[in-house]
């Protein structure tokens, strides 16, 4: 199995585990926090979980198809999107840290580009 396939599968599994742990922790700690904090966390968690599965898909596709820059780009963009989008929303909800909030749309854009790169990569192979 190619190294990039193993890497995306590893990160996808690790990301999924982290999202479950964060969700469980939040269920116990955010109950007393303001509604906005809960909404930010819920959105971060939802996108985090969805794109953890996307990373697993990118890893499986990379394992089955010959090396493709499109598939590698898809996995890389999913990691970047998770950090910029979910990571920033986690910081806002858990630490009340807003300094990097301008990066959130770039994370969303990375998610969109990741899925488009995955689609192109599958079509080209």
C-alpha atoms as a PDB file:
ATOM      1  CA  UNK A   1       0.000   0.000   0.000  1.00  0.00           C
ATOM      2  CA  UNK A   2       1.422   3.423  -0.910  1.00  0.00           C
ATOM      3  CA  UNK A   3       2.685   5.627   1.900  1.00  0.00           C
ATOM      4  CA  UNK A   4       0.174   8.406   1.174  1.00  0.00           C
ATOM      5  CA  UNK A   5      -2.695   5.894   1.369  1.00  0.00           C
ATOM      6  CA  UNK A   6      -1.506   4.636   4.763  1.00  0.00           C
ATOM      7  CA  UNK A   7      -1.021   8.212   5.918  1.00  0.00           C
ATOM      8  CA  UNK A   8      -4.576   9.254   5.005  1.00  0.00           C
ATOM      9  CA  UNK A   9      -6.039   6.088   6.552  1.00  0.00           C
ATOM     10  CA  UNK A  10      -4.027   6.697   9.731  1.00  0.00           C
ATOM     11  CA  UNK A  11      -5.055  10.360   9.932  1.00  0.00           C
ATOM     12  CA  UNK A  12      -8.675   9.517   9.147  1.00  0.00           C
ATOM     13  CA  UNK A  13      -8.859   6.940  11.917  1.00  0.00           C
ATOM     14  CA  UNK A  14      -7.046   9.241  14.356  1.00  0.00           C
ATOM     15  CA  UNK A  15      -9.301  12.153  13.400  1.00  0.00           C
ATOM     16  CA  UNK A  16     -12.438  10.042  13.892  1.00  0.00           C
ATOM     17  CA  UNK A  17     -11.222   8.937  17.334  1.00  0.00           C
ATOM     18  CA  UNK A  18     -10.433  12.534  18.308  1.00  0.00           C
ATOM     19  CA  UNK A  19     -13.873  13.702  17.200  1.00  0.00           C
ATOM     20  CA  UNK A  20     -15.553  11.078  19.373  1.00  0.00           C
ATOM     21  CA  UNK A  21     -13.396  12.029  22.375  1.00  0.00           C
ATOM     22  CA  UNK A  22     -14.095  15.730  21.847  1.00  0.00           C
ATOM     23  CA  UNK A  23     -17.811  15.073  21.491  1.00  0.00           C
ATOM     24  CA  UNK A  24     -17.902  13.098  24.723  1.00  0.00           C
ATOM     25  CA  UNK A  25     -15.909  15.725  26.595  1.00  0.00           C
ATOM     26  CA  UNK A  26     -18.130  18.510  25.313  1.00  0.00           C
ATOM     27  CA  UNK A  27     -21.285  16.691  26.339  1.00  0.00           C
ATOM     28  CA  UNK A  28     -20.077  16.923  29.918  1.00  0.00           C
ATOM     29  CA  UNK A  29     -18.457  20.368  29.931  1.00  0.00           C
ATOM     30  CA  UNK A  30     -20.370  22.637  27.548  1.00  0.00           C
ATOM     31  CA  UNK A  31     -23.774  22.117  29.165  1.00  0.00           C
ATOM     32  CA  UNK A  32     -23.337  25.239  31.283  1.00  0.00           C
ATOM     33  CA  UNK A  33     -21.793  27.407  28.534  1.00  0.00           C
ATOM     34  CA  UNK A  34     -23.646  29.866  26.343  1.00  0.00           C
ATOM     35  CA  UNK A  35     -25.640  28.635  23.383  1.00  0.00           C
ATOM     36  CA  UNK A  36     -23.242  30.218  20.852  1.00  0.00           C
ATOM     37  CA  UNK A  37     -20.358  28.175  22.252  1.00  0.00           C
ATOM     38  CA  UNK A  38     -22.411  24.984  21.944  1.00  0.00           C
ATOM     39  CA  UNK A  39     -23.399  25.801  18.356  1.00  0.00           C
ATOM     40  CA  UNK A  40     -19.786  26.485  17.338  1.00  0.00           C
ATOM     41  CA  UNK A  41     -18.637  23.253  18.937  1.00  0.00           C
ATOM     42  CA  UNK A  42     -21.439  21.229  17.368  1.00  0.00           C
ATOM     43  CA  UNK A  43     -20.619  22.610  13.912  1.00  0.00           C
ATOM     44  CA  UNK A  44     -16.896  21.901  14.384  1.00  0.00           C
ATOM     45  CA  UNK A  45     -17.633  18.368  15.554  1.00  0.00           C
ATOM     46  CA  UNK A  46     -20.031  17.634  12.698  1.00  0.00           C
ATOM     47  CA  UNK A  47     -17.579  18.757  10.007  1.00  0.00           C
ATOM     48  CA  UNK A  48     -14.690  17.051  11.809  1.00  0.00           C
ATOM     49  CA  UNK A  49     -16.497  13.706  11.849  1.00  0.00           C
ATOM     50  CA  UNK A  50     -17.639  13.991   8.247  1.00  0.00           C
ATOM     51  CA  UNK A  51     -14.154  14.784   6.986  1.00  0.00           C
ATOM     52  CA  UNK A  52     -12.526  12.085   9.123  1.00  0.00           C
ATOM     53  CA  UNK A  53     -14.593   9.697   7.023  1.00  0.00           C
ATOM     54  CA  UNK A  54     -13.518  11.635   3.930  1.00  0.00           C
ATOM     55  CA  UNK A  55      -9.881  11.049   4.853  1.00  0.00           C
ATOM     56  CA  UNK A  56     -10.579   7.341   5.180  1.00  0.00           C
ATOM     57  CA  UNK A  57     -12.202   7.380   1.747  1.00  0.00           C
ATOM     58  CA  UNK A  58      -9.215   9.226   0.267  1.00  0.00           C
ATOM     59  CA  UNK A  59      -6.904   6.642   1.846  1.00  0.00           C
ATOM     60  CA  UNK A  60      -8.905   3.723   0.472  1.00  0.00           C
ATOM     61  CA  UNK A  61      -9.060   5.270  -2.987  1.00  0.00           C
ATOM     62  CA  UNK A  62      -5.314   5.961  -2.864  1.00  0.00           C
ATOM     63  CA  UNK A  63      -4.706   2.317  -1.914  1.00  0.00           C
ATOM     64  CA  UNK A  64      -6.781   1.006  -4.827  1.00  0.00           C
ATOM     65  CA  UNK A  65      -5.735   3.366  -7.620  1.00  0.00           C
ATOM     66  CA  UNK A  66      -2.289   4.192  -8.993  1.00  0.00           C
ATOM     67  CA  UNK A  67      -0.639   7.244  -7.453  1.00  0.00           C
ATOM     68  CA  UNK A  68      -2.648  10.365  -8.228  1.00  0.00           C
ATOM     69  CA  UNK A  69      -1.853  13.979  -7.393  1.00  0.00           C
ATOM     70  CA  UNK A  70      -5.619  14.621  -7.237  1.00  0.00           C
ATOM     71  CA  UNK A  71      -6.176  12.017  -4.516  1.00  0.00           C
ATOM     72  CA  UNK A  72      -3.150  13.239  -2.555  1.00  0.00           C
ATOM     73  CA  UNK A  73      -4.484  16.802  -2.870  1.00  0.00           C
ATOM     74  CA  UNK A  74      -7.916  15.639  -1.654  1.00  0.00           C
ATOM     75  CA  UNK A  75      -6.504  14.071   1.506  1.00  0.00           C
ATOM     76  CA  UNK A  76      -4.209  17.007   2.176  1.00  0.00           C
ATOM     77  CA  UNK A  77      -7.045  19.502   1.730  1.00  0.00           C
ATOM     78  CA  UNK A  78      -9.266  17.513   4.123  1.00  0.00           C
ATOM     79  CA  UNK A  79      -6.542  17.710   6.784  1.00  0.00           C
ATOM     80  CA  UNK A  80      -6.075  21.428   6.120  1.00  0.00           C
ATOM     81  CA  UNK A  81      -9.828  22.052   6.182  1.00  0.00           C
ATOM     82  CA  UNK A  82     -10.195  20.202   9.481  1.00  0.00           C
ATOM     83  CA  UNK A  83      -7.450  22.299  11.065  1.00  0.00           C
ATOM     84  CA  UNK A  84      -8.670  25.644   9.714  1.00  0.00           C
ATOM     85  CA  UNK A  85     -12.432  25.118  10.001  1.00  0.00           C
ATOM     86  CA  UNK A  86     -13.052  22.719  12.880  1.00  0.00           C
ATOM     87  CA  UNK A  87      -9.887  23.694  14.739  1.00  0.00           C
ATOM     88  CA  UNK A  88     -10.860  27.357  14.786  1.00  0.00           C
ATOM     89  CA  UNK A  89     -14.419  26.612  15.872  1.00  0.00           C
ATOM     90  CA  UNK A  90     -13.084  24.368  18.647  1.00  0.00           C
ATOM     91  CA  UNK A  91     -10.837  27.229  19.797  1.00  0.00           C
ATOM     92  CA  UNK A  92     -13.779  29.635  19.770  1.00  0.00           C
ATOM     93  CA  UNK A  93     -16.060  27.327  21.730  1.00  0.00           C
ATOM     94  CA  UNK A  94     -13.606  25.872  24.243  1.00  0.00           C
ATOM     95  CA  UNK A  95     -11.089  28.661  24.818  1.00  0.00           C
ATOM     96  CA  UNK A  96     -13.079  31.730  23.718  1.00  0.00           C
ATOM     97  CA  UNK A  97     -10.201  32.395  21.290  1.00  0.00           C
ATOM     98  CA  UNK A  98     -11.289  34.412  18.261  1.00  0.00           C
ATOM     99  CA  UNK A  99      -7.998  35.743  16.822  1.00  0.00           C
ATOM    100  CA  UNK A 100      -7.912  33.278  13.919  1.00  0.00           C
ATOM    101  CA  UNK A 101     -11.615  33.300  13.033  1.00  0.00           C
ATOM    102  CA  UNK A 102     -10.862  34.870   9.636  1.00  0.00           C
ATOM    103  CA  UNK A 103      -9.333  31.516   8.594  1.00  0.00           C
ATOM    104  CA  UNK A 104     -12.591  29.592   9.006  1.00  0.00           C
ATOM    105  CA  UNK A 105     -13.862  30.291   5.448  1.00  0.00           C
ATOM    106  CA  UNK A 106     -10.531  29.065   4.064  1.00  0.00           C
ATOM    107  CA  UNK A 107     -11.131  25.788   5.893  1.00  0.00           C
ATOM    108  CA  UNK A 108     -14.565  25.517   4.310  1.00  0.00           C
ATOM    109  CA  UNK A 109     -13.036  26.227   0.921  1.00  0.00           C
ATOM    110  CA  UNK A 110     -10.435  23.529   1.531  1.00  0.00           C
ATOM    111  CA  UNK A 111     -13.241  21.050   2.254  1.00  0.00           C
ATOM    112  CA  UNK A 112     -15.003  21.916  -0.999  1.00  0.00           C
ATOM    113  CA  UNK A 113     -11.789  21.674  -3.006  1.00  0.00           C
ATOM    114  CA  UNK A 114     -10.963  18.354  -1.317  1.00  0.00           C
ATOM    115  CA  UNK A 115     -14.189  16.749  -2.491  1.00  0.00           C
ATOM    116  CA  UNK A 116     -13.747  18.171  -5.989  1.00  0.00           C
ATOM    117  CA  UNK A 117     -10.152  16.876  -6.124  1.00  0.00           C
ATOM    118  CA  UNK A 118     -11.350  13.455  -4.986  1.00  0.00           C
ATOM    119  CA  UNK A 119     -14.009  13.441  -7.717  1.00  0.00           C
ATOM    120  CA  UNK A 120     -11.499  14.469 -10.382  1.00  0.00           C
ATOM    121  CA  UNK A 121      -8.953  11.939  -9.123  1.00  0.00           C
ATOM    122  CA  UNK A 122     -11.453   9.099  -9.353  1.00  0.00           C
ATOM    123  CA  UNK A 123     -12.597  10.143 -12.821  1.00  0.00           C
ATOM    124  CA  UNK A 124      -9.053  10.441 -14.166  1.00  0.00           C
ATOM    125  CA  UNK A 125      -8.123   6.940 -13.041  1.00  0.00           C
END
